[in-house]
Protein backbone atom coordinates (compact mmCIF):
# COMPACT_ATOMS: atom_id res chain seq x y z
CA UNK A 1 80.16 114.51 87.53
CA UNK A 2 79.30 110.92 86.57
CA UNK A 3 75.87 110.21 85.10
CA UNK A 4 74.58 106.64 84.90
CA UNK A 5 72.40 105.70 81.93
CA UNK A 6 70.74 102.52 80.70
CA UNK A 7 70.15 101.72 77.02
CA UNK A 8 68.07 99.20 75.12
CA UNK A 9 69.34 97.49 71.98
CA UNK A 10 69.44 100.01 69.13
CA UNK A 11 69.58 103.11 71.36
CA UNK A 12 72.22 105.71 70.47
CA UNK A 13 74.79 106.24 73.23
CA UNK A 14 76.96 108.83 71.43
CA UNK A 15 75.80 110.35 68.13
CA UNK A 16 77.95 111.05 65.09
CA UNK A 17 78.64 114.75 64.45
CA UNK A 18 78.67 115.74 68.13
CA UNK A 19 81.61 117.54 69.74
CA UNK A 20 82.23 115.49 72.87
CA UNK A 21 83.23 116.35 76.41
CA UNK A 22 84.73 113.89 78.86
CA UNK A 23 84.40 110.18 78.19
CA UNK A 24 82.18 107.16 78.83
CA UNK A 25 82.67 103.90 80.72
CA UNK A 26 80.90 100.68 79.76
CA UNK A 27 79.46 99.05 82.86
CA UNK A 28 77.68 96.12 81.19
CA UNK A 29 76.35 94.99 77.81
CA UNK A 30 77.72 95.34 74.28
CA UNK A 31 78.02 98.48 72.16
CA UNK A 32 78.82 98.85 68.46
CA UNK A 33 80.62 101.62 66.59
CA UNK A 34 78.78 102.38 63.35
CA UNK A 35 79.69 104.59 60.38
CA UNK A 36 77.63 104.82 57.17
CA UNK A 37 75.50 101.91 58.34
CA UNK A 38 78.54 99.64 58.74
CA UNK A 39 79.70 98.26 62.10
CA UNK A 40 83.39 99.06 62.57
CA UNK A 41 83.96 97.41 65.93
CA UNK A 42 82.26 96.38 69.16
CA UNK A 43 82.84 97.42 72.78
CA UNK A 44 81.96 94.62 75.16
CA UNK A 45 84.42 94.63 78.08
CA UNK A 46 83.18 96.13 81.35
CA UNK A 47 85.31 99.12 82.30
CA UNK A 48 86.14 100.04 78.68
CA UNK A 49 86.65 103.76 78.14
CA UNK A 50 85.31 105.27 74.92
CA UNK A 51 84.31 108.62 73.45
CA UNK A 52 87.40 110.46 74.69
CA UNK A 53 88.95 111.21 71.28
CA UNK A 54 86.42 113.86 70.34
CA UNK A 55 87.52 116.20 73.11
CA UNK A 56 91.21 115.27 72.93
CA UNK A 57 91.34 116.01 69.17
CA UNK A 58 88.75 118.86 69.30
CA UNK A 59 86.88 117.11 66.47
CA UNK A 60 83.28 116.08 66.07
CA UNK A 61 82.62 112.36 66.32
CA UNK A 62 82.84 110.61 62.95
CA UNK A 63 80.85 107.55 64.03
CA UNK A 64 77.85 106.66 66.13
CA UNK A 65 78.08 104.42 69.18
CA UNK A 66 74.89 102.53 69.89
CA UNK A 67 73.78 99.67 72.09
CA UNK A 68 73.87 96.25 70.47
CA UNK A 69 72.36 94.68 73.59
CA UNK A 70 70.83 96.23 76.72
CA UNK A 71 73.70 98.17 78.27
CA UNK A 72 74.66 100.33 81.22
CA UNK A 73 77.04 103.24 80.66
CA UNK A 74 78.61 105.84 82.96
CA UNK A 75 79.01 109.27 81.33
CA UNK A 76 81.88 111.25 82.88
CA UNK A 77 80.71 114.78 82.13
CA UNK A 78 83.85 116.57 83.25
CA UNK A 79 86.30 117.85 80.68
CA UNK A 80 89.44 115.79 80.21
CA UNK A 81 91.45 119.00 80.72
CA UNK A 82 89.97 119.37 84.21
CA UNK A 83 90.55 115.69 85.01
CA UNK A 84 94.20 115.90 83.93
CA UNK A 85 94.70 119.13 85.90
CA UNK A 86 93.51 117.38 89.06
CA UNK A 87 95.61 114.27 88.39
CA UNK A 88 98.37 114.85 85.81
CA UNK A 89 99.34 111.16 85.78
CA UNK A 90 96.06 110.40 84.01
CA UNK A 91 97.49 112.25 81.00
CA UNK A 92 100.39 109.77 80.84
CA UNK A 93 97.94 106.87 80.62
CA UNK A 94 95.98 108.64 77.87
CA UNK A 95 99.17 109.40 75.92
CA UNK A 96 100.34 105.79 76.19
CA UNK A 97 96.96 104.50 75.06
CA UNK A 98 96.80 106.81 72.05
CA UNK A 99 100.44 106.09 71.20
CA UNK A 100 99.79 102.34 71.15
CA UNK A 101 96.74 102.79 68.95
CA UNK A 102 98.74 104.99 66.54
CA UNK A 103 101.57 102.44 66.46
CA UNK A 104 99.12 99.66 65.62
CA UNK A 105 97.34 101.65 62.90
CA UNK A 106 100.59 102.86 61.30
CA UNK A 107 101.85 99.29 61.11
CA UNK A 108 98.57 98.14 59.62
CA UNK A 109 98.58 100.89 56.97
CA UNK A 110 102.25 100.37 56.06
CA UNK A 111 102.31 96.58 55.87
CA UNK A 112 98.74 95.36 55.97
CA UNK A 113 99.79 93.19 58.93
CA UNK A 114 98.71 93.46 62.56
CA UNK A 115 101.25 95.33 64.64
CA UNK A 116 103.54 93.53 67.01
CA UNK A 117 102.96 94.56 70.59
CA UNK A 118 105.14 97.47 71.73
CA UNK A 119 108.06 96.50 73.92
CA UNK A 120 106.64 97.04 77.40
CA UNK A 121 103.04 97.29 78.54
CA UNK A 122 102.22 98.32 82.07
CA UNK A 123 102.95 95.46 84.43
CA UNK A 124 99.98 93.53 85.71
CA UNK A 125 101.78 92.92 88.99
CA UNK A 126 102.40 96.10 90.97
CA UNK A 127 105.23 94.85 93.17
CA UNK A 128 103.56 96.39 96.24
CA UNK A 129 103.73 94.24 99.39
CA UNK A 130 102.15 94.92 102.78
CA UNK A 131 102.83 93.44 106.21
CA UNK A 132 99.75 93.52 108.44
CA UNK A 133 100.29 92.94 112.16
CA UNK A 134 97.16 92.08 114.14
CA UNK A 135 96.26 89.28 116.55
CA UNK A 136 92.84 89.00 114.89
CA UNK A 137 93.05 86.98 111.63
CA UNK A 138 89.74 88.47 110.43
CA UNK A 139 91.33 91.93 110.28
CA UNK A 140 94.22 90.62 108.21
CA UNK A 141 91.70 88.94 105.88
CA UNK A 142 89.76 92.20 105.42
CA UNK A 143 92.88 94.13 104.47
CA UNK A 144 93.94 91.28 102.18
CA UNK A 145 90.67 91.66 100.25
CA UNK A 146 91.31 95.39 99.79
CA UNK A 147 94.90 94.70 98.74
CA UNK A 148 93.87 92.02 96.24
CA UNK A 149 91.65 94.55 94.46
CA UNK A 150 94.79 96.62 93.80
CA UNK A 151 97.04 93.63 92.97
CA UNK A 152 99.04 94.10 96.17
CA UNK A 153 100.38 91.16 98.16
CA UNK A 154 99.81 90.84 101.91
CA UNK A 155 101.62 88.90 104.60
CA UNK A 156 100.12 88.67 108.06
CA UNK A 157 101.72 88.49 111.49
CA UNK A 158 99.86 87.80 114.71
CA UNK A 159 102.37 89.25 117.16
CA UNK A 160 105.31 91.59 117.62
CA UNK A 161 107.76 88.68 117.66
CA UNK A 162 106.39 87.19 114.44
CA UNK A 163 106.52 90.57 112.68
CA UNK A 164 110.14 91.12 113.70
CA UNK A 165 111.07 87.66 112.48
CA UNK A 166 109.42 88.22 109.10
CA UNK A 167 111.17 91.58 108.63
CA UNK A 168 114.56 89.96 109.25
CA UNK A 169 114.21 88.19 105.90
CA UNK A 170 111.72 90.35 103.93
CA UNK A 171 111.13 93.95 102.87
CA UNK A 172 107.74 95.63 102.42
CA UNK A 173 106.25 98.70 100.77
CA UNK A 174 104.27 99.52 103.93
CA UNK A 175 103.67 97.97 107.35
CA UNK A 176 100.28 98.21 109.07
CA UNK A 177 100.13 97.62 112.84
CA UNK A 178 97.09 97.38 115.08
CA UNK A 179 97.29 99.85 117.97
CA UNK A 180 95.28 97.31 119.99
CA UNK A 181 98.15 94.83 120.27
CA UNK A 182 98.64 93.81 123.94
CA UNK A 183 101.11 95.48 126.31
CA UNK A 184 101.54 98.58 124.16
CA UNK A 185 103.60 96.44 121.77
CA UNK A 186 102.48 98.42 118.67
CA UNK A 187 104.66 101.40 119.64
CA UNK A 188 107.51 99.10 120.69
CA UNK A 189 107.32 97.23 117.39
CA UNK A 190 107.40 100.41 115.37
CA UNK A 191 110.53 101.52 117.25
CA UNK A 192 112.31 98.20 116.69
CA UNK A 193 111.43 98.15 112.98
CA UNK A 194 113.28 101.42 112.51
CA UNK A 195 116.52 99.66 113.47
CA UNK A 196 116.03 96.91 110.86
CA UNK A 197 117.83 97.68 107.60
CA UNK A 198 115.19 95.84 105.54
CA UNK A 199 112.34 98.13 106.65
CA UNK A 200 113.91 101.11 108.38
CA UNK A 201 112.60 103.48 105.66
CA UNK A 202 109.26 101.72 105.21
CA UNK A 203 106.18 103.78 106.19
CA UNK A 204 104.39 102.34 109.23
CA UNK A 205 100.63 102.83 109.50
CA UNK A 206 98.52 102.34 112.62
CA UNK A 207 95.09 100.73 112.83
CA UNK A 208 92.61 102.18 115.32
CA UNK A 209 88.91 101.90 116.08
CA UNK A 210 87.12 104.83 114.48
CA UNK A 211 86.71 107.64 116.98
CA UNK A 212 89.49 106.47 119.33
CA UNK A 213 91.30 109.79 119.53
CA UNK A 214 93.63 108.62 122.29
CA UNK A 215 94.94 105.76 120.12
CA UNK A 216 95.34 108.08 117.14
CA UNK A 217 97.29 110.61 119.20
CA UNK A 218 99.52 107.85 120.55
CA UNK A 219 100.22 106.57 117.03
CA UNK A 220 101.07 109.98 115.59
CA UNK A 221 103.24 110.89 118.59
CA UNK A 222 105.10 107.58 118.19
CA UNK A 223 105.93 108.37 114.57
CA UNK A 224 103.31 106.34 112.68
CA UNK A 225 102.84 107.82 109.20
CA UNK A 226 99.03 107.67 109.28
CA UNK A 227 96.12 105.75 110.80
CA UNK A 228 93.48 103.51 109.24
CA UNK A 229 90.07 103.42 110.88
CA UNK A 230 88.26 100.18 111.74
CA UNK A 231 85.79 99.12 110.49
CA UNK A 232 87.43 99.74 107.15
CA UNK A 233 85.93 101.98 104.51
CA UNK A 234 87.45 100.44 101.38
CA UNK A 235 87.78 103.64 99.38
CA UNK A 236 89.23 105.66 102.28
CA UNK A 237 91.61 102.85 103.21
CA UNK A 238 92.87 102.60 99.63
CA UNK A 239 93.28 106.38 99.36
CA UNK A 240 95.30 106.52 102.60
CA UNK A 241 97.60 103.68 101.56
CA UNK A 242 98.17 105.15 98.09
CA UNK A 243 99.18 108.43 99.71
CA UNK A 244 101.41 106.87 102.36
CA UNK A 245 103.20 104.68 99.79
CA UNK A 246 103.38 107.61 97.33
CA UNK A 247 101.77 105.59 94.55
CA UNK A 248 100.02 106.90 91.46
CA UNK A 249 96.46 107.35 92.75
CA UNK A 250 95.02 107.15 89.23
CA UNK A 251 95.95 103.45 89.26
CA UNK A 252 92.99 102.94 91.62
CA UNK A 253 90.68 103.49 88.67
CA UNK A 254 92.63 103.25 85.41
CA UNK A 255 94.28 100.13 84.01
CA UNK A 256 96.03 99.88 80.67
CA UNK A 257 96.00 96.57 78.78
CA UNK A 258 97.88 96.73 75.46
CA UNK A 259 96.33 99.71 73.61
CA UNK A 260 93.13 99.89 75.65
CA UNK A 261 92.40 101.88 78.79
CA UNK A 262 89.94 100.52 81.34
CA UNK A 263 88.26 102.21 84.27
CA UNK A 264 87.43 100.53 87.57
CA UNK A 265 84.59 102.25 89.41
CA UNK A 266 85.11 102.60 93.17
CA UNK A 267 83.05 100.13 95.15
CA UNK A 268 80.65 101.23 97.85
CA UNK A 269 80.41 98.94 100.88
C-alpha cells in the first residue's frame, strides 16, 4: 500500500524513536534529518528513498525527518520483507546501497577523508535495444518514448525489407512487429528473422489493436513471444517487455546512483 501525504515546512514526516515499517519516497520539496536540534543532512532529490533502515536493522529511528519546505511524500506501508519476497532482486539493490554507505563511512572514520567511489556502480546505460517494425511512424515514436523512460534504444523500420536489411548488420534485445503490416508480412518477417544468425534467438513481439482476438491468435500460432495492445498502456507495455526480455523488473522503479537508491513512480496515462 502506498499512501500519499503533503507536509508544510516544519512538519514531522518520520519521528525519532519510532520503529519503522517499509520506506518513504520523496516526490517533491526538501526534507531535513535532525538529531538533538542539529540538522545532519538534507533530502532534496525527487525519488529519494529514506526511512528504510529502521525496519532493516530492527531499530527505532535515532533522528527525526521533517519538512524544510512544503513537500510531498509517498509512504510505502508494506514491510520490506514482503517486498523482497515478491521481488528478491530488490534485496540486491538494498544490499548494494547499504554496502556503499558502509564503505563510505568506514573510510571516513578511518582516515577522515571522503571515500573513493567503489569500483563499479550500476551502469546508467542498460544496453537494451529494440527494433520496432511498423509502417506508421507515430507508433514507432510512441514506443520510443516508452523505451526512453527505461534507457532503452529504439530503431525503427517501416517495412519487412527494411527490417531484414537492418538485422543483417545489427542485433537486438527484442523485435516488435505490427500485425497490421500489409500482405500478411508480419508472419513472413518473423519466419525469416529466425534464419538470421544475428537475431535468430531474439524474442519477437507482435503489436495488435486491443480486442483483435484474430490477430492475437495468428501471432501466437506463428510463434510470436507475446503481443502488445494498441493504444499502448505504458505500464502494461513496460511489464510485458521486461518479462519477454527476462530483465530485472525492479529496474522499472529502482535506480542506484553511487550509494543512494531512488524510486521512480509508475506514470498513469
